[in-house]
Protein backbone atom coordinates (compact mmCIF):
# COMPACT_ATOMS: atom_id res chain seq x y z
CA MET A 1 -0.07 -0.20 -0.25
CA SER A 2 1.14 3.33 -0.73
CA PHE A 3 1.46 6.10 1.94
CA TYR A 4 1.37 9.96 1.48
CA ARG A 5 3.85 11.70 3.97
CA ASP A 6 1.36 14.48 3.97
CA VAL A 7 -1.98 16.04 3.09
CA GLN A 8 -0.55 18.43 0.16
CA SER A 9 1.59 15.82 -1.40
CA ALA A 10 -1.26 13.38 -1.74
CA VAL A 11 -3.14 16.13 -3.36
CA VAL A 12 -0.51 16.82 -5.65
CA ARG A 13 -0.08 13.14 -6.49
CA ALA A 14 -3.73 12.42 -7.28
CA LEU A 15 -3.83 15.35 -9.10
CA ALA A 16 -0.80 14.76 -11.39
CA ALA A 17 -1.79 10.92 -11.83
CA GLU A 18 -4.88 12.73 -14.06
CA THR A 19 -2.00 14.20 -16.03
CA ILE A 20 0.15 10.84 -16.09
CA ASN A 21 -2.81 9.17 -16.88
CA SER A 22 -3.92 11.26 -19.94
CA ALA A 23 -0.63 10.95 -21.57
CA GLY A 24 -0.42 8.57 -24.73
CA GLY A 25 0.07 4.89 -23.31
CA CYS A 26 0.11 6.03 -19.54
CA ASP A 27 -3.49 4.50 -18.87
CA PHE A 28 -3.46 2.75 -15.51
CA GLU A 29 -5.89 0.13 -16.62
CA PRO A 30 -3.47 -1.82 -18.84
CA LYS A 31 -0.49 -1.25 -16.33
CA VAL A 32 -3.10 -2.80 -13.48
CA GLN A 33 -3.58 -5.56 -15.63
CA ALA A 34 -0.17 -6.82 -16.67
CA ALA A 35 0.70 -6.58 -13.04
CA LYS A 36 -2.17 -8.52 -11.85
CA GLN A 37 -1.01 -11.33 -14.26
CA LYS A 38 2.11 -11.44 -12.42
CA GLY A 39 0.38 -11.68 -9.15
CA GLU A 40 0.04 -9.09 -6.54
CA ILE A 41 0.40 -5.38 -7.57
CA VAL A 42 3.52 -3.65 -6.16
CA GLY A 43 5.48 -0.76 -6.77
CA LYS A 44 4.89 1.89 -9.35
CA GLU A 45 1.72 0.53 -10.47
CA ALA A 46 0.55 0.29 -6.73
CA ALA A 47 0.99 3.68 -5.99
CA PHE A 48 -0.27 4.85 -9.07
CA LEU A 49 -3.83 3.07 -8.56
CA VAL A 50 -3.81 4.36 -5.07
CA ASP A 51 -3.15 8.11 -6.80
CA CYS A 52 -5.92 7.74 -9.34
CA MET A 53 -8.29 5.99 -6.42
CA VAL A 54 -7.13 9.00 -4.15
CA PHE A 55 -7.89 11.31 -7.70
CA SER A 56 -11.66 9.83 -8.12
CA ARG A 57 -12.25 9.77 -4.25
CA LEU A 58 -11.61 13.67 -4.35
CA HIS A 59 -13.54 14.66 -7.44
CA LYS A 60 -16.48 13.02 -6.00
CA ASN A 61 -16.27 13.92 -2.36
CA LEU A 62 -15.09 17.37 -2.15
CA ALA A 63 -17.63 20.29 -1.92
CA ALA A 64 -17.43 21.89 -5.56
CA HIS A 65 -15.58 24.98 -4.93
CA HIS A 66 -13.01 23.25 -2.92
CA TRP A 67 -12.04 20.72 -5.88
CA ARG A 68 -11.94 23.74 -8.18
CA ALA A 69 -9.52 25.54 -5.63
CA LEU A 70 -7.48 22.71 -5.18
CA VAL A 71 -7.18 21.95 -8.85
CA ALA A 72 -6.63 25.81 -9.56
CA LYS A 73 -3.54 25.47 -7.41
CA TYR A 74 -2.08 22.28 -7.90
CA SER A 75 -3.24 20.78 -11.20
CA THR A 76 -0.67 20.23 -13.71
CA HIS A 77 -3.56 19.22 -16.34
CA ALA A 78 -3.25 22.56 -18.08
CA GLY A 79 -6.85 22.26 -19.12
CA ARG A 80 -8.72 21.26 -15.80
CA LYS A 81 -6.41 24.01 -14.16
CA HIS A 82 -7.76 26.43 -16.73
CA ALA A 83 -11.34 25.53 -16.18
CA ALA A 84 -11.04 25.58 -12.45
CA ILE A 85 -9.71 29.22 -12.69
CA GLY A 86 -12.86 30.26 -14.64
CA GLU A 87 -15.30 28.19 -12.42
CA LEU A 88 -13.69 30.22 -9.49
CA VAL A 89 -13.56 33.41 -11.28
CA LYS A 90 -17.94 33.27 -12.42
CA GLN A 91 -18.28 32.66 -8.71
CA PHE A 92 -16.04 34.44 -6.44
CA GLN A 93 -17.62 37.38 -4.81
CA SER A 94 -15.52 40.69 -4.41
CA PRO A 95 -15.86 44.35 -4.72
CA ALA A 96 -13.20 44.54 -7.34
CA PRO A 97 -14.34 44.66 -10.80
CA GLU A 98 -14.61 41.76 -12.77
CA ARG A 99 -11.27 41.95 -14.90
CA PHE A 100 -9.16 42.52 -11.47
CA ARG A 101 -10.99 39.26 -9.76
CA HIS A 102 -10.08 37.34 -13.13
CA CYS A 103 -6.07 38.75 -13.05
CA ALA A 104 -5.69 38.33 -9.19
CA ILE A 105 -7.34 34.59 -9.46
CA VAL A 106 -5.22 33.76 -12.43
CA THR A 107 -2.04 34.92 -10.74
CA TRP A 108 -2.98 33.11 -7.39
CA ALA A 109 -3.01 29.63 -9.39
CA MET A 110 -0.11 30.23 -11.50
CA PRO A 111 2.15 32.46 -9.50
CA ARG A 112 5.16 33.89 -10.56
CA LEU A 113 8.16 31.81 -9.73
CA ALA A 114 11.49 33.19 -8.75
CA GLY A 115 14.18 33.39 -11.73
CA VAL A 116 11.72 32.01 -14.05
CA GLU A 117 10.39 33.63 -17.08
CA GLY A 118 8.40 31.26 -18.72
CA LYS A 119 11.21 29.06 -20.50
CA ARG A 120 10.75 25.81 -18.44
CA SER A 121 7.48 26.00 -17.36
CA THR A 122 3.78 26.30 -19.24
CA SER A 123 2.53 27.48 -15.71
CA VAL A 124 4.36 31.15 -16.00
CA LEU A 125 2.32 33.59 -17.07
CA PRO A 126 4.14 36.69 -19.38
CA ALA A 127 5.40 39.00 -16.60
CA GLY A 128 2.44 41.88 -17.85
CA TRP A 129 0.06 39.71 -15.93
CA TYR A 130 1.59 40.20 -12.20
CA ASP A 131 1.39 44.13 -12.99
CA MET A 132 -1.62 44.91 -10.86
CA ASP A 133 -2.03 48.05 -13.11
CA ASN A 134 -2.89 45.89 -15.99
CA TRP A 135 -5.67 44.56 -14.29
CA SER A 136 -8.25 47.55 -14.48
CA ASP A 137 -9.26 50.02 -17.21
CA GLU A 138 -9.97 52.50 -14.79
CA PRO A 139 -6.73 54.01 -12.57
CA ARG A 140 -7.51 52.90 -9.23
CA PRO A 141 -5.75 53.59 -5.61
CA ILE A 142 -2.58 51.03 -5.34
CA LYS A 143 -3.96 50.42 -1.54
CA THR A 144 -7.30 49.93 -3.07
CA GLN A 145 -5.52 47.25 -5.39
CA GLU A 146 -3.47 45.85 -2.71
CA ARG A 147 -6.39 45.34 -0.46
CA TRP A 148 -8.65 43.80 -3.35
CA ARG A 149 -6.12 41.36 -3.80
CA ARG A 150 -4.95 40.55 -0.40
CA ASP A 151 -8.28 39.68 0.26
CA ILE A 152 -9.04 37.80 -2.78
CA ARG A 153 -6.16 35.60 -2.50
CA LYS A 154 -6.80 35.12 1.46
CA SER A 155 -10.40 33.92 0.40
CA LEU A 156 -9.19 31.37 -2.11
CA GLU A 157 -5.92 30.13 0.27
CA GLY A 158 -9.05 30.22 3.14
CA MET A 159 -10.89 27.37 0.64
CA VAL A 160 -7.89 25.50 -0.13
CA ASP A 161 -6.88 25.19 3.78
CA GLN A 162 -10.82 23.93 4.03
CA ALA A 163 -10.38 21.42 1.34
CA LEU A 164 -7.32 20.23 2.59
CA VAL A 165 -8.84 19.33 6.02
CA GLU A 166 -11.70 17.85 4.46
CA VAL A 167 -8.74 15.67 2.53
CA GLN A 168 -6.96 14.73 5.96
CA HIS A 169 -10.22 13.20 6.82
CA MET A 170 -10.54 11.06 4.13
CA LEU A 171 -7.22 9.69 3.80
CA ASP A 172 -7.21 9.57 7.40
CA ASP A 173 -10.15 7.22 7.23
CA GLU A 174 -8.51 5.14 4.76
CA GLY A 175 -5.10 4.71 6.32
CA LEU A 176 -3.28 6.56 3.73
CA LEU A 177 -0.98 9.05 5.91
CA VAL A 178 2.18 8.21 7.26
CA SER A 179 1.08 9.78 10.05
CA ALA A 180 -1.89 7.87 10.20
CA VAL A 181 0.56 4.72 10.60
CA ALA A 182 2.57 5.61 13.29
């Protein structure tokens, strides 16, 4: 059985399993069938199968807004990540204008990485995305923009934290956390 060292790594691995599963030839079913023919499912195939099952369980059992927050923050599947961001933008309440909310959510989900200019990562946005002055057509005081961005990010992180608590309960119930074994 595969165990996760913490809740966040479980979420990252489960969400990455979808990307691995959707890549050509990486479907887990043939791997599981081949491993079954050899006997017990062990090693990488067993870990991958657990990751896929955790993905399914989280997708099915988490509240929609929690699922979207986790996918927006942690997924490496570009299509799912963008769809989750779009749903968050539609449902997010803030006094900030829509375009500002959209940019704040996108840059939260795809933060600027130190020393990275989009050359090694597909999850890095062009530099202009991170400039708050580009987030609205109307000039706004910088303090107002900072407050809007801070409040939006704080709310999104709160959603992620709530989702991680729910995930921890699920993983504890299944005995999949290392701390649950110790």
